[in-house]
Amino acid sequence: MSGGASGEDTQFVRPFIITGGRALPAQADLRLETLVVAVGTDAGGPALAFEHQRIVALCQEPLTVAQVAEGIGVPLGVAKVLVADLVVGGRLSCSQPAELPLHTLERIRDHVRAL
């Protein structure tokens, strides 16, 4: 039987599994340029899923949602769901920049294209 998965296939996790089947974030106002940063400590809080742990680790310094998506290697929609979970859970803080400089917009565009 040749129905077995190749080594490459076994490394792929479908995005809907990562988000628990959810396509819409718990916080609707997240945009690709929204800045997120880790807040507080993990001491005493519930254990985080693997992807959530990776996001909190990445966000020790402020990053855009687009940079988080690139950093953990998931589509932007998946990153928005995961980031929103962490914002609602009090693990990340988010802010909408009033206006982004052109070089930042170009970096975001390049990161999104890389996805």
C-alpha atoms as a PDB file:
ATOM      1  CA  MET A   1       0.000   0.000   0.000  1.00  0.00           C
ATOM      2  CA  SER A   2       1.380   3.395  -0.900  1.00  0.00           C
ATOM      3  CA  GLY A   3      -1.038   5.504   1.176  1.00  0.00           C
ATOM      4  CA  GLY A   4       1.592   6.402   3.805  1.00  0.00           C
ATOM      5  CA  ALA A   5       2.550  10.001   4.376  1.00  0.00           C
ATOM      6  CA  SER A   6       5.966  11.209   3.353  1.00  0.00           C
ATOM      7  CA  GLY A   7       8.283  12.751   5.940  1.00  0.00           C
ATOM      8  CA  GLU A   8       7.410  16.194   4.594  1.00  0.00           C
ATOM      9  CA  ASP A   9       3.659  15.639   5.103  1.00  0.00           C
ATOM     10  CA  THR A  10       4.062  14.582   8.717  1.00  0.00           C
ATOM     11  CA  GLN A  11       5.685  17.924   9.585  1.00  0.00           C
ATOM     12  CA  PHE A  12       2.705  19.949   8.324  1.00  0.00           C
ATOM     13  CA  VAL A  13      -0.022  20.920  10.775  1.00  0.00           C
ATOM     14  CA  ARG A  14      -3.181  22.276   9.221  1.00  0.00           C
ATOM     15  CA  PRO A  15      -3.983  25.838  10.347  1.00  0.00           C
ATOM     16  CA  PHE A  16      -7.493  24.956  11.547  1.00  0.00           C
ATOM     17  CA  ILE A  17      -5.970  22.481  14.000  1.00  0.00           C
ATOM     18  CA  ILE A  18      -3.717  25.184  15.458  1.00  0.00           C
ATOM     19  CA  THR A  19      -6.706  27.510  15.984  1.00  0.00           C
ATOM     20  CA  GLY A  20      -9.089  24.824  17.223  1.00  0.00           C
ATOM     21  CA  GLY A  21     -11.180  25.186  14.061  1.00  0.00           C
ATOM     22  CA  ARG A  22     -11.723  28.920  14.526  1.00  0.00           C
ATOM     23  CA  ALA A  23     -11.257  31.271  11.597  1.00  0.00           C
ATOM     24  CA  LEU A  24     -12.254  34.508  13.337  1.00  0.00           C
ATOM     25  CA  PRO A  25     -10.173  36.082  16.106  1.00  0.00           C
ATOM     26  CA  ALA A  26     -11.738  36.743  19.519  1.00  0.00           C
ATOM     27  CA  GLN A  27     -10.695  40.380  19.088  1.00  0.00           C
ATOM     28  CA  ALA A  28     -11.886  41.765  15.765  1.00  0.00           C
ATOM     29  CA  ASP A  29      -9.776  44.944  15.647  1.00  0.00           C
ATOM     30  CA  LEU A  30      -6.399  43.254  15.101  1.00  0.00           C
ATOM     31  CA  ARG A  31      -4.761  44.428  11.898  1.00  0.00           C
ATOM     32  CA  LEU A  32      -1.504  43.323  10.344  1.00  0.00           C
ATOM     33  CA  GLU A  33       0.190  46.489  11.661  1.00  0.00           C
ATOM     34  CA  THR A  34      -1.180  46.119  15.216  1.00  0.00           C
ATOM     35  CA  LEU A  35       1.707  46.088  17.677  1.00  0.00           C
ATOM     36  CA  VAL A  36       1.686  43.343  20.312  1.00  0.00           C
ATOM     37  CA  VAL A  37       3.978  42.811  23.283  1.00  0.00           C
ATOM     38  CA  ALA A  38       4.099  40.222  26.069  1.00  0.00           C
ATOM     39  CA  VAL A  39       2.895  41.423  29.457  1.00  0.00           C
ATOM     40  CA  GLY A  40       3.241  40.046  32.961  1.00  0.00           C
ATOM     41  CA  THR A  41       4.798  36.713  33.767  1.00  0.00           C
ATOM     42  CA  ASP A  42       3.726  33.162  33.142  1.00  0.00           C
ATOM     43  CA  ALA A  43       4.083  32.251  36.823  1.00  0.00           C
ATOM     44  CA  GLY A  44       0.805  30.960  38.213  1.00  0.00           C
ATOM     45  CA  GLY A  45      -1.034  31.131  34.882  1.00  0.00           C
ATOM     46  CA  PRO A  46      -2.379  28.185  32.953  1.00  0.00           C
ATOM     47  CA  ALA A  47       0.052  26.403  30.666  1.00  0.00           C
ATOM     48  CA  LEU A  48       0.084  27.705  27.121  1.00  0.00           C
ATOM     49  CA  ALA A  49      -0.169  25.639  23.943  1.00  0.00           C
ATOM     50  CA  PHE A  50       3.022  25.355  21.907  1.00  0.00           C
ATOM     51  CA  GLU A  51       2.122  28.081  19.382  1.00  0.00           C
ATOM     52  CA  HIS A  52       1.007  30.440  22.141  1.00  0.00           C
ATOM     53  CA  GLN A  53       4.310  29.888  23.976  1.00  0.00           C
ATOM     54  CA  ARG A  54       6.217  30.719  20.795  1.00  0.00           C
ATOM     55  CA  ILE A  55       4.250  33.943  20.312  1.00  0.00           C
ATOM     56  CA  VAL A  56       4.785  35.107  23.898  1.00  0.00           C
ATOM     57  CA  ALA A  57       8.510  34.361  23.547  1.00  0.00           C
ATOM     58  CA  LEU A  58       8.683  36.319  20.279  1.00  0.00           C
ATOM     59  CA  CYS A  59       6.772  39.269  21.708  1.00  0.00           C
ATOM     60  CA  GLN A  60       9.204  40.161  24.470  1.00  0.00           C
ATOM     61  CA  GLU A  61       9.772  43.213  22.255  1.00  0.00           C
ATOM     62  CA  PRO A  62       6.850  44.815  20.366  1.00  0.00           C
ATOM     63  CA  LEU A  63       6.097  43.196  17.016  1.00  0.00           C
ATOM     64  CA  THR A  64       3.362  43.640  14.462  1.00  0.00           C
ATOM     65  CA  VAL A  65       0.828  40.861  13.946  1.00  0.00           C
ATOM     66  CA  ALA A  66       2.384  40.351  10.486  1.00  0.00           C
ATOM     67  CA  GLN A  67       5.823  39.865  12.060  1.00  0.00           C
ATOM     68  CA  VAL A  68       4.350  37.344  14.517  1.00  0.00           C
ATOM     69  CA  ALA A  69       2.832  35.398  11.604  1.00  0.00           C
ATOM     70  CA  GLU A  70       6.189  35.293   9.863  1.00  0.00           C
ATOM     71  CA  GLY A  71       8.034  34.473  13.084  1.00  0.00           C
ATOM     72  CA  ILE A  72       5.970  31.382  13.819  1.00  0.00           C
ATOM     73  CA  GLY A  73       5.464  30.432  10.170  1.00  0.00           C
ATOM     74  CA  VAL A  74       1.672  30.561   9.926  1.00  0.00           C
ATOM     75  CA  PRO A  75      -0.768  32.435   7.687  1.00  0.00           C
ATOM     76  CA  LEU A  76      -1.825  35.894   8.863  1.00  0.00           C
ATOM     77  CA  GLY A  77      -5.380  34.751   9.695  1.00  0.00           C
ATOM     78  CA  VAL A  78      -4.056  32.017  11.977  1.00  0.00           C
ATOM     79  CA  ALA A  79      -1.705  34.463  13.694  1.00  0.00           C
ATOM     80  CA  LYS A  80      -4.602  36.865  14.284  1.00  0.00           C
ATOM     81  CA  VAL A  81      -6.632  34.132  16.010  1.00  0.00           C
ATOM     82  CA  LEU A  82      -3.689  33.078  18.193  1.00  0.00           C
ATOM     83  CA  VAL A  83      -2.667  36.645  19.064  1.00  0.00           C
ATOM     84  CA  ALA A  84      -6.275  37.535  19.916  1.00  0.00           C
ATOM     85  CA  ASP A  85      -6.429  34.532  22.280  1.00  0.00           C
ATOM     86  CA  LEU A  86      -3.357  35.841  24.081  1.00  0.00           C
ATOM     87  CA  VAL A  87      -4.672  39.417  24.241  1.00  0.00           C
ATOM     88  CA  VAL A  88      -8.017  38.265  25.662  1.00  0.00           C
ATOM     89  CA  GLY A  89      -6.139  36.001  28.111  1.00  0.00           C
ATOM     90  CA  GLY A  90      -4.013  38.913  29.341  1.00  0.00           C
ATOM     91  CA  ARG A  91      -0.701  37.523  28.011  1.00  0.00           C
ATOM     92  CA  LEU A  92      -0.243  40.155  25.282  1.00  0.00           C
ATOM     93  CA  SER A  93      -1.033  43.836  25.086  1.00  0.00           C
ATOM     94  CA  CYS A  94      -1.856  45.414  21.751  1.00  0.00           C
ATOM     95  CA  SER A  95      -1.857  48.930  20.368  1.00  0.00           C
ATOM     96  CA  GLN A  96      -2.758  50.438  17.058  1.00  0.00           C
ATOM     97  CA  PRO A  97      -0.067  52.820  15.844  1.00  0.00           C
ATOM     98  CA  ALA A  98      -1.483  56.179  14.785  1.00  0.00           C
ATOM     99  CA  GLU A  99       0.584  56.241  11.622  1.00  0.00           C
ATOM    100  CA  LEU A 100       3.386  53.971  10.541  1.00  0.00           C
ATOM    101  CA  PRO A 101       6.528  55.262   8.874  1.00  0.00           C
ATOM    102  CA  LEU A 102       7.007  54.254   5.254  1.00  0.00           C
ATOM    103  CA  HIS A 103       9.974  51.948   6.024  1.00  0.00           C
ATOM    104  CA  THR A 104       7.807  50.023   8.521  1.00  0.00           C
ATOM    105  CA  LEU A 105       5.001  49.649   5.981  1.00  0.00           C
ATOM    106  CA  GLU A 106       7.512  48.370   3.425  1.00  0.00           C
ATOM    107  CA  ARG A 107       8.868  45.814   5.935  1.00  0.00           C
ATOM    108  CA  ILE A 108       5.329  44.628   6.713  1.00  0.00           C
ATOM    109  CA  ARG A 109       4.598  44.317   3.008  1.00  0.00           C
ATOM    110  CA  ASP A 110       7.775  42.277   2.504  1.00  0.00           C
ATOM    111  CA  HIS A 111       6.917  40.008   5.469  1.00  0.00           C
ATOM    112  CA  VAL A 112       3.402  39.402   4.175  1.00  0.00           C
ATOM    113  CA  ARG A 113       4.735  38.592   0.711  1.00  0.00           C
ATOM    114  CA  ALA A 114       7.143  36.103   2.283  1.00  0.00           C
ATOM    115  CA  LEU A 115       4.224  34.207   3.794  1.00  0.00           C
END
